[in-house]
């Protein structure tokens, strides 16, 4: 092995960034990318028809591309799996974690936040794109809006399952390895934009949901475990809120720029460059030092913390007595539903469920609502883009309130604000085509209020669970929001919420679960502001 190659490997390992089988991983990544590119010739060949591929037979190149994607994903997964017999446990109890919480923000911290911010934007952008593809998909396949709602249901089913699965994987194989694997799935699901039938779109969007469900819980767990305590609350919330708004802006911007020229299919094909970008940026994402310590990987944890200017200090063992909770019970999904974690599990599930209902059952259909009121596709996309942009200052307010005032009270206030905005849109519904100024104002406030809910639920979840349950708990929380979306999507399909009759009824109905969540958090939520993770 050459000296230069050993230096590179050493540099990677000292940052807690290592591949168990690097050749297998990168070979799989190249195979997945190549498989996606093999779908582009058929897509480009339909340019003269406005890139409509409905009813077009799948060529041999596309089929072999799918095979290559599956083989590449299996190979890359094998390349990331840790070897059997790696030590786990005890490391967390034997080392002082206070140094992580007492550290000051360094360039390495800010670099981590930047890269994870890009990951959040990409993660939010994918499901937010659903609302923009529905009108064009309905037109190309000749189906009613209520039928296209099955696409939302399919994607959210995948995301619901994926959030739980990826959260468990983050606790098993590590935060960074799970992010890498989710990024590869992002790339592979870009072929959703070349499917010739609606049924194939349903299946592919289910797989896309599996990939999209992975990024959010892992990112928040990694941020919560790496940022000092005094900055964690407001900074993680601000970061998450800007990521949410950024993802919405990116989805609306891509729809406004790409859809008129390349059809709605281009909005799915964007998965390719965004997934490749995540692979490149992952070079600057180290593993969580708390995760490494919990797995007994002390040398790697020391190297990661050294990047942040932190030194691990040994401490004597503390006898916690017979009443202590056995560490073994803190692992797996069942641990979330056992004392002392069951109450907060219920809190995050209720809050996530309520946000999911309003976001996926109402906000995702706003492009359809606006186009039904007479807006063109471009003007509706621009209106939502503008509304999301105006909501950015609200994200700053969310971060300040959560980190400097009260985490629990902030969650209650923004839930109540979401209810008020939804009721305001229901009141304005009859004049949606004429009173554009008021619609923009209320939409912006709705984006700010619901964006605040979204920005707070994941940091709150990451704070109230211990290291061994943090990924699983974050995954369950993210899954609850998608489950709320499924409820909203099913209500649309069954006719309880009918997008064809305007937004009044949907706006009224989605207000109910948010109001219930506000009451539940006020009753059973706990205060996390300024407290250490281990204390919580």
Protein backbone atom coordinates (compact mmCIF):
# COMPACT_ATOMS: atom_id res chain seq x y z
CA UNK A 1 0.00 0.00 0.00
CA UNK A 2 1.51 3.36 -1.01
CA UNK A 3 2.26 6.07 1.58
CA UNK A 4 -0.17 8.49 -0.09
CA UNK A 5 -2.99 5.95 -0.02
CA UNK A 6 -2.30 5.14 3.65
CA UNK A 7 -2.43 8.86 4.44
CA UNK A 8 -5.81 9.20 2.77
CA UNK A 9 -7.19 6.16 4.60
CA UNK A 10 -5.80 7.46 7.90
CA UNK A 11 -7.37 10.87 7.31
CA UNK A 12 -10.72 9.29 6.62
CA UNK A 13 -10.63 7.01 9.66
CA UNK A 14 -9.52 9.76 12.06
CA UNK A 15 -12.67 11.65 11.21
CA UNK A 16 -14.90 8.68 11.94
CA UNK A 17 -15.49 8.36 8.21
CA UNK A 18 -14.68 4.90 6.98
CA UNK A 19 -15.96 2.29 4.57
CA UNK A 20 -15.77 -1.32 5.57
CA UNK A 21 -15.44 -2.34 1.89
CA UNK A 22 -14.70 0.84 -0.11
CA UNK A 23 -14.32 -0.91 -3.49
CA UNK A 24 -17.74 -2.55 -3.14
CA UNK A 25 -19.39 0.72 -2.08
CA UNK A 26 -18.01 2.88 -4.88
CA UNK A 27 -18.56 0.18 -7.51
CA UNK A 28 -22.19 0.02 -6.41
CA UNK A 29 -22.52 3.82 -6.50
CA UNK A 30 -21.17 3.95 -10.06
CA UNK A 31 -23.50 1.12 -11.13
CA UNK A 32 -26.56 2.92 -9.72
CA UNK A 33 -25.65 6.17 -11.46
CA UNK A 34 -25.03 4.38 -14.75
CA UNK A 35 -28.35 2.56 -14.44
CA UNK A 36 -30.21 5.86 -14.08
CA UNK A 37 -28.39 7.42 -17.04
CA UNK A 38 -29.48 4.46 -19.20
CA UNK A 39 -33.07 5.73 -18.86
CA UNK A 40 -32.32 9.17 -20.31
CA UNK A 41 -32.17 8.25 -24.04
CA UNK A 42 -35.81 7.08 -24.06
CA UNK A 43 -36.89 10.19 -22.15
CA UNK A 44 -35.03 12.58 -24.46
CA UNK A 45 -36.37 10.83 -27.54
CA UNK A 46 -39.88 11.99 -26.60
CA UNK A 47 -38.95 15.65 -26.61
CA UNK A 48 -40.95 16.30 -29.77
CA UNK A 49 -44.09 15.18 -27.88
CA UNK A 50 -43.48 17.36 -24.85
CA UNK A 51 -41.67 14.47 -23.12
CA UNK A 52 -44.90 12.52 -22.72
CA UNK A 53 -44.09 8.84 -22.25
CA UNK A 54 -47.54 7.48 -21.45
CA UNK A 55 -48.08 4.09 -23.08
CA UNK A 56 -44.52 3.91 -24.44
CA UNK A 57 -42.99 0.40 -24.20
CA UNK A 58 -39.90 0.12 -22.00
CA UNK A 59 -36.79 -0.43 -24.07
CA UNK A 60 -34.07 -2.93 -23.35
CA UNK A 61 -31.70 -0.18 -22.20
CA UNK A 62 -34.18 0.92 -19.51
CA UNK A 63 -34.69 -2.65 -18.30
CA UNK A 64 -30.98 -3.34 -18.04
CA UNK A 65 -30.59 0.00 -16.29
CA UNK A 66 -33.06 -1.16 -13.63
CA UNK A 67 -31.09 -4.38 -13.16
CA UNK A 68 -27.89 -2.38 -12.76
CA UNK A 69 -29.52 -0.16 -10.13
CA UNK A 70 -30.66 -3.16 -8.05
CA UNK A 71 -27.24 -4.86 -8.28
CA UNK A 72 -25.45 -1.59 -7.46
CA UNK A 73 -27.62 -0.95 -4.43
CA UNK A 74 -26.99 -4.43 -3.05
CA UNK A 75 -23.24 -4.05 -3.61
CA UNK A 76 -23.08 -0.61 -1.98
CA UNK A 77 -25.10 -1.83 1.01
CA UNK A 78 -22.70 -4.69 1.53
CA UNK A 79 -19.83 -2.21 1.34
CA UNK A 80 -21.27 -0.19 4.24
CA UNK A 81 -22.31 -2.95 6.63
CA UNK A 82 -20.02 -3.23 9.69
CA UNK A 83 -18.28 -6.55 10.28
CA UNK A 84 -19.62 -8.98 12.86
CA UNK A 85 -18.03 -8.98 16.24
CA UNK A 86 -17.39 -5.24 16.48
CA UNK A 87 -17.49 -4.20 20.14
CA UNK A 88 -20.57 -2.38 21.38
CA UNK A 89 -21.78 -0.98 24.68
CA UNK A 90 -20.01 0.35 27.81
CA UNK A 91 -17.96 3.01 26.00
CA UNK A 92 -20.56 5.69 26.59
CA UNK A 93 -20.68 5.08 30.34
CA UNK A 94 -16.91 5.25 30.77
CA UNK A 95 -16.22 8.64 29.23
CA UNK A 96 -17.18 12.17 30.07
CA UNK A 97 -19.65 13.62 27.54
CA UNK A 98 -19.87 17.01 29.22
CA UNK A 99 -16.97 18.19 27.06
CA UNK A 100 -19.15 17.90 23.94
CA UNK A 101 -21.89 20.05 25.45
CA UNK A 102 -19.49 22.63 26.90
CA UNK A 103 -17.52 23.10 23.67
CA UNK A 104 -17.65 26.27 21.60
CA UNK A 105 -18.80 26.36 17.99
CA UNK A 106 -15.87 25.82 15.60
CA UNK A 107 -15.40 25.87 11.84
CA UNK A 108 -15.91 22.11 11.85
CA UNK A 109 -19.32 22.53 13.52
CA UNK A 110 -20.40 25.12 10.94
CA UNK A 111 -19.14 22.95 8.10
CA UNK A 112 -21.19 20.03 9.40
CA UNK A 113 -24.29 22.23 9.63
CA UNK A 114 -23.79 23.43 6.04
CA UNK A 115 -23.54 19.93 4.60
CA UNK A 116 -26.47 18.64 6.67
CA UNK A 117 -28.43 21.71 5.58
CA UNK A 118 -28.02 20.66 1.97
CA UNK A 119 -29.17 17.16 2.94
CA UNK A 120 -32.30 18.59 4.58
CA UNK A 121 -33.13 20.73 1.54
CA UNK A 122 -32.83 17.70 -0.74
CA UNK A 123 -34.88 15.57 1.64
CA UNK A 124 -37.69 18.13 1.95
CA UNK A 125 -37.59 18.92 -1.75
CA UNK A 126 -38.53 15.39 -2.83
CA UNK A 127 -41.89 15.04 -1.07
CA UNK A 128 -42.67 18.73 -1.64
CA UNK A 129 -42.34 18.04 -5.38
CA UNK A 130 -45.34 15.70 -5.19
CA UNK A 131 -47.77 18.60 -5.18
CA UNK A 132 -46.22 20.04 -8.35
CA UNK A 133 -46.24 16.82 -10.38
CA UNK A 134 -49.86 15.93 -9.66
CA UNK A 135 -51.52 18.36 -12.15
CA UNK A 136 -49.20 17.43 -15.04
CA UNK A 137 -49.45 13.75 -14.26
CA UNK A 138 -53.26 13.95 -14.22
CA UNK A 139 -53.23 15.59 -17.65
CA UNK A 140 -50.78 13.11 -19.25
CA UNK A 141 -52.39 9.95 -17.90
CA UNK A 142 -55.92 11.31 -18.27
CA UNK A 143 -56.97 10.63 -14.68
CA UNK A 144 -58.93 12.60 -12.09
CA UNK A 145 -57.19 14.49 -9.25
CA UNK A 146 -58.72 12.09 -6.73
CA UNK A 147 -57.00 9.20 -8.52
CA UNK A 148 -53.63 10.94 -8.54
CA UNK A 149 -53.95 11.18 -4.76
CA UNK A 150 -52.96 7.51 -4.79
CA UNK A 151 -49.49 8.71 -5.80
CA UNK A 152 -49.32 10.70 -2.58
CA UNK A 153 -50.55 7.68 -0.63
CA UNK A 154 -47.96 5.42 -2.28
CA UNK A 155 -45.08 7.82 -1.65
CA UNK A 156 -46.11 8.48 1.94
CA UNK A 157 -46.51 4.76 2.64
CA UNK A 158 -42.91 4.30 1.52
CA UNK A 159 -41.78 7.28 3.58
CA UNK A 160 -43.64 6.06 6.65
CA UNK A 161 -41.93 2.68 6.46
CA UNK A 162 -38.62 4.21 5.43
CA UNK A 163 -38.50 6.66 8.34
CA UNK A 164 -38.81 3.85 10.88
CA UNK A 165 -36.41 1.57 9.01
CA UNK A 166 -33.73 4.22 8.51
CA UNK A 167 -34.01 5.32 12.12
CA UNK A 168 -33.33 1.75 13.23
CA UNK A 169 -30.49 1.47 10.73
CA UNK A 170 -28.94 4.70 12.06
CA UNK A 171 -28.81 3.12 15.52
CA UNK A 172 -27.39 -0.11 14.10
CA UNK A 173 -24.82 0.82 11.44
CA UNK A 174 -24.24 4.50 12.24
CA UNK A 175 -25.62 7.89 11.27
CA UNK A 176 -23.24 8.53 8.41
CA UNK A 177 -23.50 5.10 6.79
CA UNK A 178 -27.29 5.41 6.78
CA UNK A 179 -27.08 8.86 5.11
CA UNK A 180 -24.85 7.42 2.39
CA UNK A 181 -27.24 4.56 1.73
CA UNK A 182 -30.24 6.89 1.58
CA UNK A 183 -28.36 9.11 -0.90
CA UNK A 184 -27.80 6.14 -3.21
CA UNK A 185 -31.50 5.31 -3.10
CA UNK A 186 -32.21 8.93 -4.00
CA UNK A 187 -30.16 8.48 -7.15
CA UNK A 188 -31.78 5.18 -8.08
CA UNK A 189 -35.34 6.47 -7.73
CA UNK A 190 -34.73 9.23 -10.28
CA UNK A 191 -36.07 6.76 -12.87
CA UNK A 192 -39.56 7.49 -11.51
CA UNK A 193 -39.54 10.30 -14.08
CA UNK A 194 -39.37 7.84 -16.99
CA UNK A 195 -42.16 5.45 -16.06
CA UNK A 196 -44.68 5.06 -18.94
CA UNK A 197 -47.72 4.14 -16.81
CA UNK A 198 -49.38 5.46 -13.69
CA UNK A 199 -49.15 2.04 -12.00
CA UNK A 200 -45.36 2.00 -12.42
CA UNK A 201 -45.22 5.54 -11.04
CA UNK A 202 -47.06 4.35 -7.95
CA UNK A 203 -44.50 1.60 -7.37
CA UNK A 204 -41.48 3.80 -8.05
CA UNK A 205 -42.79 6.60 -5.85
CA UNK A 206 -43.18 4.05 -3.05
CA UNK A 207 -39.46 3.29 -3.43
CA UNK A 208 -38.70 7.00 -3.60
CA UNK A 209 -40.56 7.39 -0.33
CA UNK A 210 -38.39 4.70 1.24
CA UNK A 211 -35.31 6.72 0.31
CA UNK A 212 -36.73 10.11 1.31
CA UNK A 213 -37.78 8.77 4.69
CA UNK A 214 -34.19 8.13 5.64
CA UNK A 215 -32.52 11.50 5.59
CA UNK A 216 -34.56 13.54 8.06
CA UNK A 217 -34.34 11.45 11.26
CA UNK A 218 -30.66 10.66 10.72
CA UNK A 219 -29.67 14.28 10.11
CA UNK A 220 -31.37 15.53 13.27
CA UNK A 221 -29.91 12.75 15.41
CA UNK A 222 -26.43 13.59 14.10
CA UNK A 223 -26.89 17.33 14.69
CA UNK A 224 -28.24 16.89 18.22
CA UNK A 225 -25.30 14.65 19.14
CA UNK A 226 -22.63 16.98 17.72
CA UNK A 227 -23.73 20.54 18.61
CA UNK A 228 -22.86 22.04 22.06
CA UNK A 229 -25.77 22.26 24.52
CA UNK A 230 -25.90 26.04 24.75
CA UNK A 231 -26.34 26.38 20.98
CA UNK A 232 -28.18 23.14 20.22
CA UNK A 233 -31.81 24.24 20.67
CA UNK A 234 -32.02 27.43 18.63
CA UNK A 235 -29.37 26.45 16.10
CA UNK A 236 -30.81 23.04 15.23
CA UNK A 237 -34.32 24.48 14.96
CA UNK A 238 -33.14 27.37 12.78
CA UNK A 239 -31.16 24.96 10.66
CA UNK A 240 -34.11 22.61 10.27
CA UNK A 241 -36.56 25.44 9.56
CA UNK A 242 -34.37 26.96 6.87
CA UNK A 243 -33.89 23.49 5.41
CA UNK A 244 -37.66 23.00 5.26
CA UNK A 245 -38.24 26.37 3.63
CA UNK A 246 -35.26 25.81 1.34
CA UNK A 247 -36.62 22.45 0.22
CA UNK A 248 -40.01 23.99 -0.53
CA UNK A 249 -38.37 26.83 -2.43
CA UNK A 250 -36.23 24.37 -4.37
CA UNK A 251 -39.27 22.27 -5.31
CA UNK A 252 -41.28 25.33 -6.38
CA UNK A 253 -38.30 26.79 -8.24
CA UNK A 254 -37.63 23.58 -10.14
CA UNK A 255 -41.32 23.35 -11.02
CA UNK A 256 -41.38 26.92 -12.30
CA UNK A 257 -38.15 26.52 -14.31
CA UNK A 258 -38.17 22.93 -15.55
CA UNK A 259 -41.79 21.82 -15.86
CA UNK A 260 -42.83 24.25 -18.65
CA UNK A 261 -39.95 23.03 -20.87
CA UNK A 262 -39.33 19.43 -19.84
CA UNK A 263 -42.69 18.38 -18.35
CA UNK A 264 -43.38 17.20 -14.79
CA UNK A 265 -41.08 14.21 -15.34
CA UNK A 266 -38.01 16.41 -15.02
CA UNK A 267 -38.91 17.08 -11.38
CA UNK A 268 -38.19 13.43 -10.56
CA UNK A 269 -35.07 13.21 -12.73
CA UNK A 270 -33.51 15.91 -10.53
CA UNK A 271 -32.95 13.10 -7.99
CA UNK A 272 -29.85 12.12 -9.96
CA UNK A 273 -27.78 15.32 -9.53
CA UNK A 274 -29.03 15.94 -5.98
CA UNK A 275 -28.14 12.40 -4.91
CA UNK A 276 -24.68 12.66 -6.46
CA UNK A 277 -24.21 15.98 -4.64
CA UNK A 278 -24.94 14.25 -1.34
CA UNK A 279 -22.35 11.57 -2.10
CA UNK A 280 -19.76 14.27 -2.70
CA UNK A 281 -20.64 16.25 0.42
CA UNK A 282 -20.64 13.16 2.64
CA UNK A 283 -16.87 13.38 2.63
CA UNK A 284 -17.29 16.18 5.19
CA UNK A 285 -19.80 14.41 7.46
CA UNK A 286 -18.09 12.64 10.37
CA UNK A 287 -19.84 10.03 12.45
CA UNK A 288 -21.59 11.07 15.66
CA UNK A 289 -19.09 11.01 18.56
CA UNK A 290 -21.84 9.86 20.95
CA UNK A 291 -22.69 6.95 18.66
CA UNK A 292 -19.03 5.96 18.42
CA UNK A 293 -18.61 6.08 22.20
CA UNK A 294 -21.76 4.06 22.72
CA UNK A 295 -20.34 1.39 20.41
CA UNK A 296 -17.01 1.32 22.22
CA UNK A 297 -15.15 2.88 19.27
CA UNK A 298 -13.24 5.25 21.54
CA UNK A 299 -10.29 6.02 19.25
CA UNK A 300 -12.60 7.07 16.41
CA UNK A 301 -14.72 9.14 18.80
CA UNK A 302 -11.61 10.91 20.08
CA UNK A 303 -10.56 11.74 16.51
CA UNK A 304 -13.99 13.13 15.62
CA UNK A 305 -14.16 15.23 18.75
CA UNK A 306 -10.66 16.49 18.06
CA UNK A 307 -12.03 18.11 14.91
CA UNK A 308 -14.36 20.09 17.18
CA UNK A 309 -11.60 21.03 19.63
CA UNK A 310 -12.94 18.60 22.27
CA UNK A 311 -10.99 16.12 24.39
CA UNK A 312 -12.63 13.07 25.98
CA UNK A 313 -12.02 12.89 29.71
CA UNK A 314 -12.18 9.62 31.59
CA UNK A 315 -14.44 9.49 34.65
CA UNK A 316 -14.93 6.93 37.40
CA UNK A 317 -17.86 4.54 37.15
CA UNK A 318 -20.95 5.62 39.06
CA UNK A 319 -23.11 3.15 40.96
CA UNK A 320 -26.66 4.02 40.02
CA UNK A 321 -28.19 1.39 42.29
CA UNK A 322 -30.69 -1.35 41.55
CA UNK A 323 -33.38 1.12 40.40
CA UNK A 324 -31.43 2.11 37.31
CA UNK A 325 -32.94 1.26 33.94
CA UNK A 326 -30.94 -1.62 32.41
CA UNK A 327 -29.15 -0.32 29.29
CA UNK A 328 -30.30 -3.38 27.35
CA UNK A 329 -33.92 -2.17 27.54
CA UNK A 330 -32.94 1.04 25.78
CA UNK A 331 -32.49 -0.65 22.43
CA UNK A 332 -34.98 -1.37 19.67
CA UNK A 333 -38.44 -0.09 18.89
CA UNK A 334 -39.95 -1.63 22.03
CA UNK A 335 -37.76 0.60 24.18
CA UNK A 336 -39.63 3.67 22.94
CA UNK A 337 -42.89 2.38 24.39
CA UNK A 338 -41.51 1.48 27.82
CA UNK A 339 -41.09 3.83 30.80
CA UNK A 340 -39.54 6.33 31.07
CA UNK A 341 -39.78 7.06 27.34
CA UNK A 342 -43.37 6.08 26.54
CA UNK A 343 -44.92 9.45 27.44
CA UNK A 344 -42.62 11.46 25.19
CA UNK A 345 -43.08 8.88 22.44
CA UNK A 346 -46.80 9.63 22.60
CA UNK A 347 -46.13 13.40 22.50
CA UNK A 348 -43.96 13.28 19.39
CA UNK A 349 -46.31 10.86 17.65
CA UNK A 350 -49.31 13.13 18.21
CA UNK A 351 -47.47 16.28 17.13
CA UNK A 352 -45.95 14.65 14.07
CA UNK A 353 -49.27 13.14 13.07
CA UNK A 354 -51.00 16.54 13.24
CA UNK A 355 -48.33 18.24 11.15
CA UNK A 356 -48.46 15.44 8.59
CA UNK A 357 -52.22 15.82 8.16
CA UNK A 358 -52.00 19.55 7.40
CA UNK A 359 -48.86 19.33 5.27
CA UNK A 360 -49.62 16.26 3.16
CA UNK A 361 -53.39 16.42 3.31
CA UNK A 362 -53.65 20.13 2.49
CA UNK A 363 -50.44 22.01 1.63
CA UNK A 364 -49.35 19.39 -0.91
CA UNK A 365 -52.61 19.96 -2.79
CA UNK A 366 -52.29 23.76 -2.87
CA UNK A 367 -51.02 23.76 -6.51
CA UNK A 368 -54.13 21.79 -7.47
CA UNK A 369 -56.39 24.11 -5.43
CA UNK A 370 -54.92 27.21 -7.05
CA UNK A 371 -55.06 25.83 -10.57
CA UNK A 372 -58.67 24.84 -9.98
CA UNK A 373 -59.32 28.48 -9.06
CA UNK A 374 -58.01 29.70 -12.42
CA UNK A 375 -54.27 30.12 -11.82
CA UNK A 376 -51.89 28.82 -14.49
CA UNK A 377 -49.28 26.21 -13.55
CA UNK A 378 -46.48 28.79 -13.68
CA UNK A 379 -48.37 31.43 -11.67
CA UNK A 380 -49.45 28.89 -9.02
CA UNK A 381 -45.86 27.66 -8.64
CA UNK A 382 -44.59 31.24 -8.42
CA UNK A 383 -47.23 32.14 -5.84
CA UNK A 384 -46.21 29.23 -3.62
CA UNK A 385 -42.53 30.04 -4.19
CA UNK A 386 -43.18 33.61 -3.05
CA UNK A 387 -45.20 32.46 -0.04
CA UNK A 388 -42.45 30.09 1.08
CA UNK A 389 -39.85 32.83 0.63
CA UNK A 390 -41.81 35.29 2.77
CA UNK A 391 -41.99 32.61 5.46
CA UNK A 392 -38.20 32.59 5.98
CA UNK A 393 -38.24 35.34 8.67
CA UNK A 394 -40.73 33.21 10.57
CA UNK A 395 -38.09 30.49 10.79
CA UNK A 396 -35.78 32.86 12.66
CA UNK A 397 -38.59 33.55 15.11
CA UNK A 398 -39.11 29.80 15.59
CA UNK A 399 -35.43 29.26 16.40
CA UNK A 400 -35.33 32.15 18.84
CA UNK A 401 -38.51 31.06 20.62
CA UNK A 402 -37.44 27.40 20.88
CA UNK A 403 -33.86 28.05 22.00
CA UNK A 404 -34.21 31.22 24.07
CA UNK A 405 -37.79 31.14 25.39
CA UNK A 406 -39.30 27.67 25.74
CA UNK A 407 -39.26 24.57 23.57
CA UNK A 408 -42.58 23.22 24.84
CA UNK A 409 -44.46 26.54 24.73
CA UNK A 410 -43.09 27.29 21.25
CA UNK A 411 -44.47 24.01 19.93
CA UNK A 412 -47.89 24.92 21.36
CA UNK A 413 -47.88 28.47 19.97
CA UNK A 414 -46.98 27.48 16.41
CA UNK A 415 -49.55 24.70 16.40
CA UNK A 416 -52.23 27.22 17.39
CA UNK A 417 -50.96 29.62 14.70
CA UNK A 418 -51.32 26.85 12.10
CA UNK A 419 -54.93 26.36 13.12
CA UNK A 420 -55.64 30.09 12.78
CA UNK A 421 -54.03 30.25 9.31
CA UNK A 422 -55.93 27.19 8.08
CA UNK A 423 -59.19 28.72 9.25
CA UNK A 424 -58.20 31.97 7.54
CA UNK A 425 -57.74 30.17 4.22
CA UNK A 426 -61.11 28.49 4.66
CA UNK A 427 -62.67 31.93 5.13
CA UNK A 428 -60.88 33.33 2.04
CA UNK A 429 -61.63 30.27 -0.13
CA UNK A 430 -64.59 31.78 -2.02
CA UNK A 431 -62.40 34.72 -3.11
CA UNK A 432 -59.20 32.80 -3.88
CA UNK A 433 -59.23 33.88 -7.52
CA UNK A 434 -59.65 37.59 -6.84
CA UNK A 435 -58.05 38.49 -3.51
CA UNK A 436 -54.49 37.49 -4.37
CA UNK A 437 -52.81 39.79 -1.86
CA UNK A 438 -54.60 38.29 1.12
CA UNK A 439 -54.01 34.78 -0.21
CA UNK A 440 -50.25 35.43 -0.40
CA UNK A 441 -50.21 36.84 3.15
CA UNK A 442 -52.16 33.94 4.68
CA UNK A 443 -50.21 31.34 2.67
CA UNK A 444 -46.93 32.87 3.90
CA UNK A 445 -48.17 32.78 7.50
CA UNK A 446 -49.33 29.19 7.03
CA UNK A 447 -45.94 28.18 5.65
CA UNK A 448 -44.24 29.92 8.59
CA UNK A 449 -46.52 28.31 11.19
CA UNK A 450 -46.45 24.78 9.81
CA UNK A 451 -42.77 25.16 8.97
CA UNK A 452 -42.24 26.03 12.63
CA UNK A 453 -44.00 22.84 13.67
CA UNK A 454 -41.85 20.83 11.29
CA UNK A 455 -38.66 22.59 12.42
CA UNK A 456 -39.30 21.86 16.11
CA UNK A 457 -40.62 18.30 16.17
CA UNK A 458 -37.42 16.61 14.95
CA UNK A 459 -35.01 18.51 17.27
CA UNK A 460 -37.37 17.92 20.17
CA UNK A 461 -37.46 14.19 19.41
CA UNK A 462 -33.68 14.00 19.13
CA UNK A 463 -33.34 15.66 22.53
CA UNK A 464 -35.75 13.54 24.59
CA UNK A 465 -34.38 10.08 23.68
CA UNK A 466 -30.99 8.55 24.64
CA UNK A 467 -28.23 7.77 22.16
CA UNK A 468 -29.24 4.15 21.62
CA UNK A 469 -32.81 5.16 20.82
CA UNK A 470 -32.20 8.53 19.18
CA UNK A 471 -32.18 7.30 15.59
CA UNK A 472 -35.11 4.94 16.15
CA UNK A 473 -37.10 7.62 17.98
CA UNK A 474 -36.38 10.21 15.30
CA UNK A 475 -37.42 7.73 12.65
CA UNK A 476 -40.68 7.00 14.44
CA UNK A 477 -41.36 10.73 14.78
CA UNK A 478 -40.74 11.32 11.08
CA UNK A 479 -42.89 8.31 10.28
CA UNK A 480 -45.79 9.76 12.29
CA UNK A 481 -45.83 12.87 10.12
CA UNK A 482 -46.05 10.73 7.00
CA UNK A 483 -48.77 8.65 8.62
CA UNK A 484 -50.69 11.90 9.02
CA UNK A 485 -50.17 12.49 5.32
CA UNK A 486 -51.57 9.06 4.57
CA UNK A 487 -54.68 9.94 6.55
CA UNK A 488 -55.05 13.14 4.53
CA UNK A 489 -54.43 11.32 1.23
CA UNK A 490 -56.92 8.57 2.02
CA UNK A 491 -59.47 11.22 3.00
CA UNK A 492 -58.97 12.78 -0.44
CA UNK A 493 -59.37 9.49 -2.28
CA UNK A 494 -62.49 8.51 -0.34
CA UNK A 495 -64.09 11.89 -0.94
CA UNK A 496 -63.97 13.17 2.64
CA UNK A 497 -61.63 15.85 1.32
CA UNK A 498 -62.43 16.75 -2.28
CA UNK A 499 -59.84 18.89 -4.03
CA UNK A 500 -62.25 19.56 -6.88
CA UNK A 501 -64.60 21.61 -4.68
CA UNK A 502 -62.01 24.05 -3.36
CA UNK A 503 -60.00 24.42 -0.18
CA UNK A 504 -62.67 25.36 2.38
CA UNK A 505 -63.53 21.85 3.59
CA UNK A 506 -59.91 20.57 3.65
CA UNK A 507 -58.75 23.68 5.55
CA UNK A 508 -61.43 23.17 8.19
CA UNK A 509 -60.81 19.46 8.62
CA UNK A 510 -57.01 19.65 8.96
CA UNK A 511 -57.38 22.20 11.77
CA UNK A 512 -58.81 19.58 14.13
CA UNK A 513 -55.76 17.30 14.68
CA UNK A 514 -53.45 20.31 15.04
CA UNK A 515 -55.62 21.74 17.81
CA UNK A 516 -55.60 18.36 19.57
CA UNK A 517 -51.78 18.16 19.28
CA UNK A 518 -51.38 21.64 20.79
CA UNK A 519 -53.39 20.59 23.83
CA UNK A 520 -51.45 17.32 24.20
CA UNK A 521 -48.01 19.00 24.07
CA UNK A 522 -49.12 21.63 26.60
CA UNK A 523 -50.27 18.83 28.90
CA UNK A 524 -47.50 16.21 28.62
CA UNK A 525 -44.55 17.84 26.83
CA UNK A 526 -41.28 18.53 28.69
CA UNK A 527 -38.94 21.50 28.56
CA UNK A 528 -35.61 20.82 26.79
CA UNK A 529 -34.12 24.32 26.49
CA UNK A 530 -30.51 24.48 27.67
CA UNK A 531 -30.45 20.96 29.14
CA UNK A 532 -27.83 18.32 28.38
CA UNK A 533 -28.87 15.31 26.31
CA UNK A 534 -27.83 12.88 29.04
CA UNK A 535 -29.82 14.85 31.63
CA UNK A 536 -32.92 14.69 29.44
